[in-house]
Amino acid sequence: MLFCLFQAMASEQYCFRVYLKDKGETPYSTERPEKFLSTHTIEKRIKRNIPVTTSDLPIATDYLDSLQQTGATVVTQSKWLATVVVAAGDSLVADKLHELSIVDSVKWIWKGNTHPISFMEREDEPLCPEVMPQKSEYGYGEAQIALLNGQRLHNAGYKGKGMRIAVIDAGFMNVDRICAFSTIDLLGTRNIVTPGRSVFTEDDHGTKVLSCLAANLPYKMVGTAPKASYLLIKSEDSRSEFPIEEDYWAAAVEYADSVGVDIITSSLGYFAYDADELSYETDALDGNTVQITRAANLAAEKGILVFSSAGNEGNGKWEKITFPADAEKVLTVGAITEEKTKSLFSSVGFTADYRIKPDVVALGTNTWVIDRLANIRQANGTSFATPTLAGLAACLWEGLPWLKNHEIIALIKESASQYNNPDAELGYGLPDMYKAYRKGIE
């Protein structure tokens, strides 16, 4: 992890989430947002009447300095949540942090032995899928788009052009080499876990996710938003499971907001950690308790349309949706088969406060994806249902640019197959994205 890249190679390290009482005095002001937000973000806020508030102001640098004077090192932070993650080789640093007047509370969120990240050797030549072309321009991806009536939205002229989508995942291995992504409009990349490292060198979960949206190889594989612009962010550390990944995720969505994205799609979910005492119970699925869920709701309040996978725990002991899928203001996506029945693995609701979740569903059983070797193959998971729908939502919003994020969510729900009779398995059901578009222009 980020904080593991110290000089000592095998010493035990600890990470703590520090909850601040406030963010301190900063030289910034909500009247001068250009000092801390991008032009794209400010323009988006104005366009959608989203105010810049004190939650957008950075944490004061003297606060960060005070934390580091305890012997800790700042790893990441959340200005929205007023939290800072710090690392130290001595657990007693927590006591010193508690003593600071600026600190409300401290929680340990990672511990372990430091070790460097290993990366696979990569070649430089392009990777192209060796498959027979299909009759459909969408290639192997036709069924997952057709189930959502997405091809009619595309035929109306909307393929995501001008929409900015952030994909938050575990890694995007070889996306820079795979020819299906050669025409992608890439806004940039960000590695939250190991800053400075490429997002293209480890884990291909994000590669598969991105292919559902951005692949553009006619007659072989075309995604749901091939003309959109993409920001690729790595927030998941695949080597272990600890709550610090919620903080990485919060940092990822804040970064996405700072560069003015319209949509976030995230196929990551949490509930159980390597340390049992840090794991959650289902009563925390109330949309307000867990760090990552709070960050997701705040992103939505900033005008971003957030998509979260429901999780793949439907036939496991947990069974329920995972965090941040319980967030009230995000669109949570479950998985179905091509026969429109619930995928066995797809996590179910309700939330702890009896809200409908998942909100809607898309194809998640035998979804066509592209892996790190450019193979076009089938994969299972709400991880792939989510970006498939998110891409079409970008097309829908492109066609209805005067709407706000919550209005797009409402249209998607209203177009779904069981809008009048939602349940805990499919939510409001399978959306008809062209129907949503027609309703939006009425």
Protein backbone atom coordinates (compact mmCIF):
# COMPACT_ATOMS: atom_id res chain seq x y z
CA MET A 1 0.00 0.00 0.00
CA LEU A 2 0.96 3.64 -0.30
CA PHE A 3 2.12 3.87 3.29
CA CYS A 4 4.06 0.65 2.96
CA LEU A 5 6.65 2.17 0.65
CA PHE A 6 9.02 3.11 3.48
CA GLN A 7 12.73 2.40 3.56
CA ALA A 8 12.29 -0.42 6.04
CA MET A 9 11.41 -3.54 4.10
CA ALA A 10 9.90 -5.81 6.74
CA SER A 11 8.88 -3.66 9.70
CA GLU A 12 5.31 -3.62 10.96
CA GLN A 13 3.40 -0.50 10.06
CA TYR A 14 0.08 0.93 11.24
CA CYS A 15 -2.39 3.25 9.61
CA PHE A 16 -4.91 5.38 11.49
CA ARG A 17 -7.90 7.39 10.32
CA VAL A 18 -7.93 10.68 12.20
CA TYR A 19 -11.30 12.41 12.52
CA LEU A 20 -10.76 16.15 12.83
CA LYS A 21 -13.00 18.50 14.80
CA ASP A 22 -12.84 20.96 11.90
CA LYS A 23 -10.59 21.73 8.94
CA GLY A 24 -8.86 24.77 10.41
CA GLU A 25 -8.15 28.17 8.93
CA THR A 26 -7.22 28.07 5.25
CA PRO A 27 -6.30 30.82 2.79
CA TYR A 28 -9.10 29.61 0.53
CA SER A 29 -12.65 30.91 0.24
CA THR A 30 -15.85 29.66 -1.39
CA GLU A 31 -15.95 33.04 -3.18
CA ARG A 32 -12.73 32.13 -5.04
CA PRO A 33 -13.25 28.47 -6.05
CA GLU A 34 -10.78 28.80 -8.93
CA LYS A 35 -8.01 28.62 -6.33
CA PHE A 36 -8.81 25.00 -5.43
CA LEU A 37 -11.20 23.61 -8.06
CA SER A 38 -10.68 23.09 -11.78
CA THR A 39 -12.39 25.18 -14.42
CA HIS A 40 -14.36 22.10 -15.50
CA THR A 41 -15.67 21.57 -11.98
CA ILE A 42 -16.69 25.18 -11.53
CA GLU A 43 -18.42 25.26 -14.92
CA LYS A 44 -20.26 22.03 -14.09
CA ARG A 45 -21.37 23.38 -10.69
CA ILE A 46 -22.69 26.57 -12.31
CA LYS A 47 -24.44 24.67 -15.10
CA ARG A 48 -26.24 22.39 -12.65
CA ASN A 49 -26.70 24.96 -9.90
CA ILE A 50 -24.51 23.10 -7.40
CA PRO A 51 -23.00 25.51 -4.86
CA VAL A 52 -19.37 25.51 -3.76
CA THR A 53 -19.51 25.06 0.02
CA THR A 54 -17.09 24.91 2.93
CA SER A 55 -16.95 21.13 2.44
CA ASP A 56 -14.96 21.84 -0.72
CA LEU A 57 -12.27 23.78 1.14
CA PRO A 58 -8.96 21.93 1.72
CA ILE A 59 -7.80 20.89 5.18
CA ALA A 60 -5.46 23.49 6.67
CA THR A 61 -1.79 22.70 6.14
CA ASP A 62 -0.95 23.52 9.76
CA TYR A 63 -3.37 20.77 10.82
CA LEU A 64 -1.49 18.30 8.64
CA ASP A 65 1.78 19.54 10.08
CA SER A 66 0.48 19.00 13.62
CA LEU A 67 -0.44 15.42 12.81
CA GLN A 68 3.02 14.74 11.38
CA GLN A 69 4.74 16.21 14.42
CA THR A 70 3.53 13.13 16.34
CA GLY A 71 5.85 11.01 14.21
CA ALA A 72 3.17 9.97 11.74
CA THR A 73 3.22 10.41 7.97
CA VAL A 74 0.16 11.65 6.07
CA VAL A 75 -1.06 9.05 3.60
CA THR A 76 -4.32 10.48 2.24
CA GLN A 77 -7.10 12.79 3.32
CA SER A 78 -10.73 13.71 2.72
CA LYS A 79 -11.71 17.36 2.75
CA TRP A 80 -15.39 16.42 2.50
CA LEU A 81 -15.25 14.18 5.57
CA ALA A 82 -12.54 16.10 7.45
CA THR A 83 -10.45 12.98 7.93
CA VAL A 84 -6.74 12.28 7.47
CA VAL A 85 -5.07 8.88 7.22
CA VAL A 86 -1.61 8.69 8.74
CA ALA A 87 0.98 5.91 8.93
CA ALA A 88 3.47 5.08 11.67
CA GLY A 89 5.74 2.26 12.73
CA ASP A 90 4.65 2.61 16.36
CA SER A 91 1.05 2.01 17.43
CA LEU A 92 1.56 4.40 20.37
CA VAL A 93 1.37 7.25 17.88
CA ALA A 94 -2.40 6.84 18.20
CA ASP A 95 -2.21 8.11 21.78
CA LYS A 96 -0.28 11.19 20.67
CA LEU A 97 -2.85 11.85 17.98
CA HIS A 98 -5.68 11.59 20.52
CA GLU A 99 -4.02 14.29 22.63
CA LEU A 100 -4.13 16.91 19.86
CA SER A 101 -6.82 19.56 20.36
CA ILE A 102 -7.77 19.41 16.67
CA VAL A 103 -8.54 15.68 16.81
CA ASP A 104 -11.98 14.29 17.57
CA SER A 105 -11.17 10.56 17.39
CA VAL A 106 -8.73 8.04 15.93
CA LYS A 107 -9.37 4.61 14.41
CA TRP A 108 -6.80 2.08 13.25
CA ILE A 109 -7.55 0.93 9.72
CA TRP A 110 -4.50 -1.06 8.61
CA LYS A 111 -1.56 -2.92 10.01
CA GLY A 112 0.94 -5.36 8.55
CA ASN A 113 4.47 -5.86 7.37
CA THR A 114 5.66 -3.58 4.64
CA HIS A 115 6.62 -5.11 1.34
CA PRO A 116 7.13 -3.70 -2.13
CA ILE A 117 4.58 -4.20 -4.89
CA SER A 118 5.68 -6.59 -7.62
CA PHE A 119 4.78 -5.86 -11.21
CA MET A 120 4.59 -8.18 -14.18
CA GLU A 121 7.03 -7.58 -17.00
CA ARG A 122 5.22 -6.10 -19.99
CA GLU A 123 5.92 -6.01 -23.67
CA ASP A 124 5.25 -2.93 -25.77
CA GLU A 125 3.46 -4.32 -28.80
CA PRO A 126 -0.31 -3.79 -29.20
CA LEU A 127 -2.74 -6.48 -28.06
CA CYS A 128 -5.62 -7.20 -30.41
CA PRO A 129 -8.38 -9.81 -29.93
CA GLU A 130 -8.22 -12.73 -32.31
CA VAL A 131 -11.92 -13.45 -32.71
CA MET A 132 -14.27 -13.76 -35.65
CA PRO A 133 -16.21 -10.56 -36.42
CA GLN A 134 -19.93 -10.74 -35.65
CA LYS A 135 -22.87 -9.56 -37.74
CA SER A 136 -23.73 -6.84 -35.26
CA GLU A 137 -21.63 -3.68 -35.09
CA TYR A 138 -21.57 -4.21 -31.32
CA GLY A 139 -19.90 -7.57 -31.80
CA TYR A 140 -20.02 -9.79 -28.76
CA GLY A 141 -21.33 -6.93 -26.62
CA GLU A 142 -24.68 -6.75 -28.41
CA ALA A 143 -26.84 -8.66 -25.91
CA GLN A 144 -25.89 -6.62 -22.86
CA ILE A 145 -26.70 -3.39 -24.70
CA ALA A 146 -29.90 -4.72 -26.29
CA LEU A 147 -31.32 -5.80 -22.93
CA LEU A 148 -31.28 -2.13 -21.91
CA ASN A 149 -32.54 -0.95 -25.32
CA GLY A 150 -29.33 0.99 -25.56
CA GLN A 151 -28.86 0.58 -29.30
CA ARG A 152 -31.86 2.87 -29.91
CA LEU A 153 -30.26 5.53 -27.73
CA HIS A 154 -27.09 5.20 -29.82
CA ASN A 155 -29.12 5.37 -33.03
CA ALA A 156 -30.62 8.64 -31.79
CA GLY A 157 -27.08 10.02 -31.92
CA TYR A 158 -25.95 9.66 -28.30
CA LYS A 159 -22.79 7.68 -27.58
CA GLY A 160 -21.48 9.66 -24.62
CA LYS A 161 -19.67 12.45 -26.44
CA GLY A 162 -18.80 15.30 -24.12
CA MET A 163 -19.50 13.28 -20.97
CA ARG A 164 -16.67 12.76 -18.48
CA ILE A 165 -16.66 9.39 -16.72
CA ALA A 166 -14.40 8.33 -13.86
CA VAL A 167 -13.85 4.60 -13.47
CA ILE A 168 -12.64 3.73 -9.97
CA ASP A 169 -11.20 0.23 -9.71
CA ALA A 170 -8.28 -2.03 -8.81
CA GLY A 171 -6.20 -1.54 -11.95
CA PHE A 172 -6.41 -1.24 -15.71
CA MET A 173 -3.76 -3.64 -16.88
CA ASN A 174 -2.71 -3.18 -20.50
CA VAL A 175 -5.47 -0.71 -21.37
CA ASP A 176 -2.70 1.37 -22.94
CA ARG A 177 -1.83 -1.54 -25.25
CA ILE A 178 -5.18 -3.11 -26.14
CA CYS A 179 -6.35 -2.00 -29.57
CA ALA A 180 -10.02 -1.94 -28.51
CA PHE A 181 -9.10 1.11 -26.42
CA SER A 182 -6.87 2.79 -28.99
CA THR A 183 -9.44 5.50 -29.75
CA ILE A 184 -10.41 6.19 -26.12
CA ASP A 185 -10.51 9.84 -25.07
CA LEU A 186 -8.40 9.48 -21.94
CA LEU A 187 -8.59 12.48 -19.62
CA GLY A 188 -5.91 11.05 -17.35
CA THR A 189 -5.08 8.45 -14.73
CA ARG A 190 -4.47 8.53 -10.99
CA ASN A 191 -3.04 5.86 -8.71
CA ILE A 192 -4.26 6.61 -5.19
CA VAL A 193 -2.69 3.49 -3.64
CA THR A 194 0.84 3.96 -4.94
CA PRO A 195 1.15 7.52 -6.31
CA GLY A 196 3.34 7.80 -9.36
CA ARG A 197 2.88 4.17 -10.36
CA SER A 198 1.10 3.39 -13.62
CA VAL A 199 -2.48 2.16 -13.39
CA PHE A 200 -1.79 -0.04 -16.42
CA THR A 201 0.63 -2.51 -14.78
CA GLU A 202 -1.41 -4.49 -12.25
CA ASP A 203 -4.85 -6.07 -11.95
CA ASP A 204 -7.17 -6.24 -14.93
CA HIS A 205 -10.49 -6.02 -13.10
CA GLY A 206 -10.71 -2.40 -14.21
CA THR A 207 -9.73 -3.43 -17.74
CA LYS A 208 -12.79 -5.68 -17.91
CA VAL A 209 -15.00 -3.01 -16.35
CA LEU A 210 -13.77 -0.34 -18.77
CA SER A 211 -14.39 -2.59 -21.76
CA CYS A 212 -18.13 -2.60 -20.99
CA LEU A 213 -18.11 1.17 -21.48
CA ALA A 214 -15.28 2.23 -23.72
CA ALA A 215 -14.34 -0.64 -26.03
CA ASN A 216 -14.58 0.50 -29.64
CA LEU A 217 -13.75 -2.34 -31.99
CA PRO A 218 -16.69 -2.55 -34.40
CA TYR A 219 -18.07 -6.03 -35.07
CA LYS A 220 -15.94 -7.44 -32.26
CA MET A 221 -16.67 -5.41 -29.12
CA VAL A 222 -18.27 -1.99 -28.70
CA GLY A 223 -19.14 -0.61 -25.29
CA THR A 224 -22.08 1.46 -24.14
CA ALA A 225 -20.33 4.88 -24.24
CA PRO A 226 -17.54 4.67 -26.84
CA LYS A 227 -17.45 8.45 -27.39
CA ALA A 228 -17.22 9.52 -23.74
CA SER A 229 -14.07 10.82 -22.04
CA TYR A 230 -12.51 8.72 -19.29
CA LEU A 231 -10.56 9.21 -16.09
CA LEU A 232 -9.05 5.98 -14.72
CA ILE A 233 -8.41 5.84 -10.98
CA LYS A 234 -6.92 3.00 -8.94
CA SER A 235 -8.17 2.96 -5.34
CA GLU A 236 -8.22 -0.77 -4.54
CA ASP A 237 -5.18 -2.59 -3.15
CA SER A 238 -5.62 -6.21 -4.19
CA ARG A 239 -3.03 -7.54 -1.73
CA SER A 240 -5.17 -7.19 1.38
CA GLU A 241 -8.56 -6.01 2.58
CA PHE A 242 -8.64 -3.23 5.17
CA PRO A 243 -10.80 -0.12 5.76
CA ILE A 244 -8.05 2.13 4.40
CA GLU A 245 -9.42 1.27 0.98
CA GLU A 246 -12.53 3.24 1.88
CA ASP A 247 -10.26 6.25 2.41
CA TYR A 248 -8.52 5.61 -0.90
CA TRP A 249 -11.96 5.50 -2.52
CA ALA A 250 -13.00 8.76 -0.87
CA ALA A 251 -9.79 10.37 -2.16
CA ALA A 252 -10.59 8.99 -5.62
CA VAL A 253 -14.07 10.50 -5.79
CA GLU A 254 -12.81 13.84 -4.49
CA TYR A 255 -10.14 13.85 -7.17
CA ALA A 256 -12.76 12.95 -9.79
CA ASP A 257 -14.89 15.86 -8.62
CA SER A 258 -11.90 18.22 -8.66
CA VAL A 259 -11.40 17.63 -12.39
CA GLY A 260 -15.08 17.94 -13.24
CA VAL A 261 -16.38 14.45 -14.02
CA ASP A 262 -20.08 13.93 -14.68
CA ILE A 263 -20.30 10.25 -13.80
CA ILE A 264 -18.47 7.85 -11.49
CA THR A 265 -18.81 4.12 -11.97
CA SER A 266 -17.36 1.92 -9.25
CA SER A 267 -17.40 -1.85 -9.13
CA LEU A 268 -15.87 -2.11 -5.67
CA GLY A 269 -17.63 -3.11 -2.48
CA TYR A 270 -16.65 -3.74 1.13
CA PHE A 271 -18.04 -5.40 4.23
CA ALA A 272 -15.50 -7.95 5.57
CA TYR A 273 -11.87 -7.18 6.37
CA ASP A 274 -8.76 -9.17 7.17
CA ALA A 275 -9.13 -8.07 10.80
CA ASP A 276 -12.52 -9.34 11.96
CA GLU A 277 -12.98 -6.52 14.45
CA LEU A 278 -12.96 -4.02 11.58
CA SER A 279 -15.67 -5.83 9.59
CA TYR A 280 -19.27 -4.60 9.46
CA GLU A 281 -22.64 -6.01 10.45
CA THR A 282 -25.68 -5.62 8.19
CA ASP A 283 -27.22 -3.03 10.51
CA ALA A 284 -24.58 -0.58 9.20
CA LEU A 285 -26.33 -0.65 5.80
CA ASP A 286 -28.26 2.50 6.68
CA GLY A 287 -26.75 4.83 4.09
CA ASN A 288 -25.09 7.08 6.67
CA THR A 289 -22.65 5.12 8.82
CA VAL A 290 -19.74 3.78 6.79
CA GLN A 291 -16.94 6.06 5.53
CA ILE A 292 -17.18 5.00 1.89
CA THR A 293 -20.96 5.35 1.85
CA ARG A 294 -20.77 8.87 3.25
CA ALA A 295 -18.22 9.77 0.55
CA ALA A 296 -20.51 8.36 -2.15
CA ASN A 297 -23.46 10.45 -0.96
CA LEU A 298 -21.31 13.57 -0.82
CA ALA A 299 -20.13 12.96 -4.40
CA ALA A 300 -23.77 12.82 -5.45
CA GLU A 301 -24.46 16.07 -3.60
CA LYS A 302 -21.71 17.64 -5.70
CA GLY A 303 -23.76 16.83 -8.81
CA ILE A 304 -21.97 13.64 -9.86
CA LEU A 305 -24.05 10.69 -11.07
CA VAL A 306 -22.59 7.81 -9.04
CA PHE A 307 -23.04 4.15 -10.00
CA SER A 308 -22.16 1.43 -7.51
CA SER A 309 -22.22 -2.32 -8.01
CA ALA A 310 -24.56 -4.13 -5.61
CA GLY A 311 -21.99 -6.83 -4.81
CA ASN A 312 -21.67 -10.54 -5.46
CA GLU A 313 -22.74 -11.87 -2.07
CA GLY A 314 -26.23 -13.05 -3.02
CA ASN A 315 -25.48 -16.72 -2.50
CA GLY A 316 -23.02 -16.19 0.37
CA LYS A 317 -23.36 -15.79 4.11
CA TRP A 318 -23.53 -11.97 3.95
CA GLU A 319 -26.13 -12.04 1.12
CA LYS A 320 -26.79 -8.30 1.25
CA ILE A 321 -25.51 -5.40 -0.84
CA THR A 322 -22.03 -4.17 0.09
CA PHE A 323 -20.77 -0.67 0.91
CA PRO A 324 -21.15 1.92 -0.67
CA ALA A 325 -24.13 0.36 -2.45
CA ASP A 326 -26.33 1.34 0.51
CA ALA A 327 -25.84 5.05 -0.22
CA GLU A 328 -29.21 6.67 -0.81
CA LYS A 329 -28.08 9.09 -3.51
CA VAL A 330 -26.23 6.65 -5.77
CA LEU A 331 -27.67 4.25 -8.31
CA THR A 332 -26.97 0.70 -7.16
CA VAL A 333 -26.90 -1.95 -9.89
CA GLY A 334 -27.60 -5.65 -9.46
CA ALA A 335 -27.10 -8.44 -12.00
CA ILE A 336 -29.44 -10.56 -14.10
CA THR A 337 -29.10 -13.32 -16.67
CA GLU A 338 -29.94 -12.96 -20.34
CA GLU A 339 -33.28 -14.58 -19.45
CA LYS A 340 -33.90 -11.58 -17.14
CA THR A 341 -33.78 -13.59 -13.92
CA LYS A 342 -31.62 -12.55 -10.97
CA SER A 343 -28.05 -13.78 -11.10
CA LEU A 344 -27.58 -16.14 -8.15
CA PHE A 345 -24.56 -14.20 -6.90
CA SER A 346 -26.17 -10.75 -7.10
CA SER A 347 -26.46 -9.12 -3.67
CA VAL A 348 -29.90 -8.22 -2.38
CA GLY A 349 -31.58 -5.59 -0.21
CA PHE A 350 -33.27 -4.12 1.59
CA THR A 351 -31.08 -1.62 3.35
CA ALA A 352 -31.08 -1.57 7.15
CA ASP A 353 -33.57 1.32 7.01
CA TYR A 354 -35.79 -0.57 4.51
CA ARG A 355 -34.97 1.33 1.33
CA ILE A 356 -35.08 -0.33 -2.08
CA LYS A 357 -31.63 -1.61 -3.07
CA PRO A 358 -30.41 -2.56 -5.58
CA ASP A 359 -32.12 0.19 -7.54
CA VAL A 360 -32.01 -1.50 -10.95
CA VAL A 361 -30.30 -4.37 -12.77
CA ALA A 362 -28.37 -5.10 -15.97
CA LEU A 363 -26.71 -8.15 -17.51
CA GLY A 364 -24.16 -9.59 -15.09
CA THR A 365 -24.16 -13.30 -15.94
CA ASN A 366 -22.04 -14.11 -19.00
CA THR A 367 -21.32 -10.47 -19.71
CA TRP A 368 -18.81 -9.96 -22.52
CA VAL A 369 -15.62 -8.20 -21.46
CA ILE A 370 -12.03 -7.71 -22.59
CA ASP A 371 -9.27 -8.97 -20.31
CA ARG A 372 -5.60 -7.95 -19.95
CA LEU A 373 -4.53 -10.15 -22.88
CA ALA A 374 -7.21 -8.59 -25.12
CA ASN A 375 -9.29 -11.75 -25.02
CA ILE A 376 -12.98 -11.09 -25.57
CA ARG A 377 -14.65 -13.45 -23.14
CA GLN A 378 -17.54 -13.81 -20.75
CA ALA A 379 -17.39 -12.93 -17.07
CA ASN A 380 -19.85 -12.82 -14.19
CA GLY A 381 -20.48 -10.09 -11.66
CA THR A 382 -22.39 -6.97 -10.73
CA SER A 383 -19.00 -5.44 -11.55
CA PHE A 384 -19.90 -5.63 -15.23
CA ALA A 385 -23.62 -4.91 -15.01
CA THR A 386 -22.75 -1.57 -13.40
CA PRO A 387 -20.51 -0.01 -16.08
CA THR A 388 -22.77 -1.32 -18.84
CA LEU A 389 -25.61 0.74 -17.43
CA ALA A 390 -23.38 3.67 -16.45
CA GLY A 391 -22.24 4.06 -20.04
CA LEU A 392 -25.80 4.25 -21.31
CA ALA A 393 -26.61 6.73 -18.55
CA ALA A 394 -23.85 8.92 -20.00
CA CYS A 395 -25.57 8.71 -23.38
CA LEU A 396 -28.91 9.52 -21.75
CA TRP A 397 -27.46 12.57 -19.97
CA GLU A 398 -25.78 13.67 -23.20
CA GLY A 399 -29.24 13.76 -24.75
CA LEU A 400 -30.84 15.47 -21.74
CA PRO A 401 -28.10 17.88 -20.61
CA TRP A 402 -30.47 20.22 -18.73
CA LEU A 403 -31.24 17.55 -16.10
CA LYS A 404 -29.49 17.03 -12.77
CA ASN A 405 -28.04 13.73 -11.59
CA HIS A 406 -31.01 12.82 -9.38
CA GLU A 407 -33.37 13.50 -12.28
CA ILE A 408 -31.43 11.09 -14.50
CA ILE A 409 -31.68 8.48 -11.72
CA ALA A 410 -35.44 9.04 -11.51
CA LEU A 411 -35.84 8.57 -15.28
CA ILE A 412 -33.85 5.33 -15.21
CA LYS A 413 -35.97 3.94 -12.38
CA GLU A 414 -39.23 5.02 -14.01
CA SER A 415 -38.25 3.26 -17.24
CA ALA A 416 -37.53 -0.02 -15.45
CA SER A 417 -39.55 -3.20 -15.78
CA GLN A 418 -41.00 -3.34 -12.27
CA TYR A 419 -41.13 0.31 -11.35
CA ASN A 420 -44.59 -0.08 -9.82
CA ASN A 421 -43.67 -3.19 -7.87
CA PRO A 422 -40.01 -3.06 -6.75
CA ASP A 423 -38.46 -5.77 -4.62
CA ALA A 424 -35.27 -6.59 -2.73
CA GLU A 425 -33.77 -8.68 -5.54
CA LEU A 426 -34.14 -6.63 -8.74
CA GLY A 427 -35.14 -3.30 -7.25
CA TYR A 428 -37.13 -1.43 -9.87
CA GLY A 429 -36.01 -3.95 -12.46
CA LEU A 430 -34.42 -3.74 -15.90
CA PRO A 431 -34.32 -0.20 -17.35
CA ASP A 432 -35.31 0.69 -20.90
CA MET A 433 -32.84 3.47 -21.62
CA TYR A 434 -34.55 4.65 -24.80
CA LYS A 435 -37.85 4.83 -22.95
CA ALA A 436 -36.10 6.95 -20.32
CA TYR A 437 -34.84 9.25 -23.06
CA ARG A 438 -38.31 9.60 -24.63
CA LYS A 439 -39.82 10.38 -21.26
CA GLY A 440 -37.11 12.97 -20.63
CA ILE A 441 -37.88 14.97 -23.78
CA GLU A 442 -41.64 14.94 -23.31
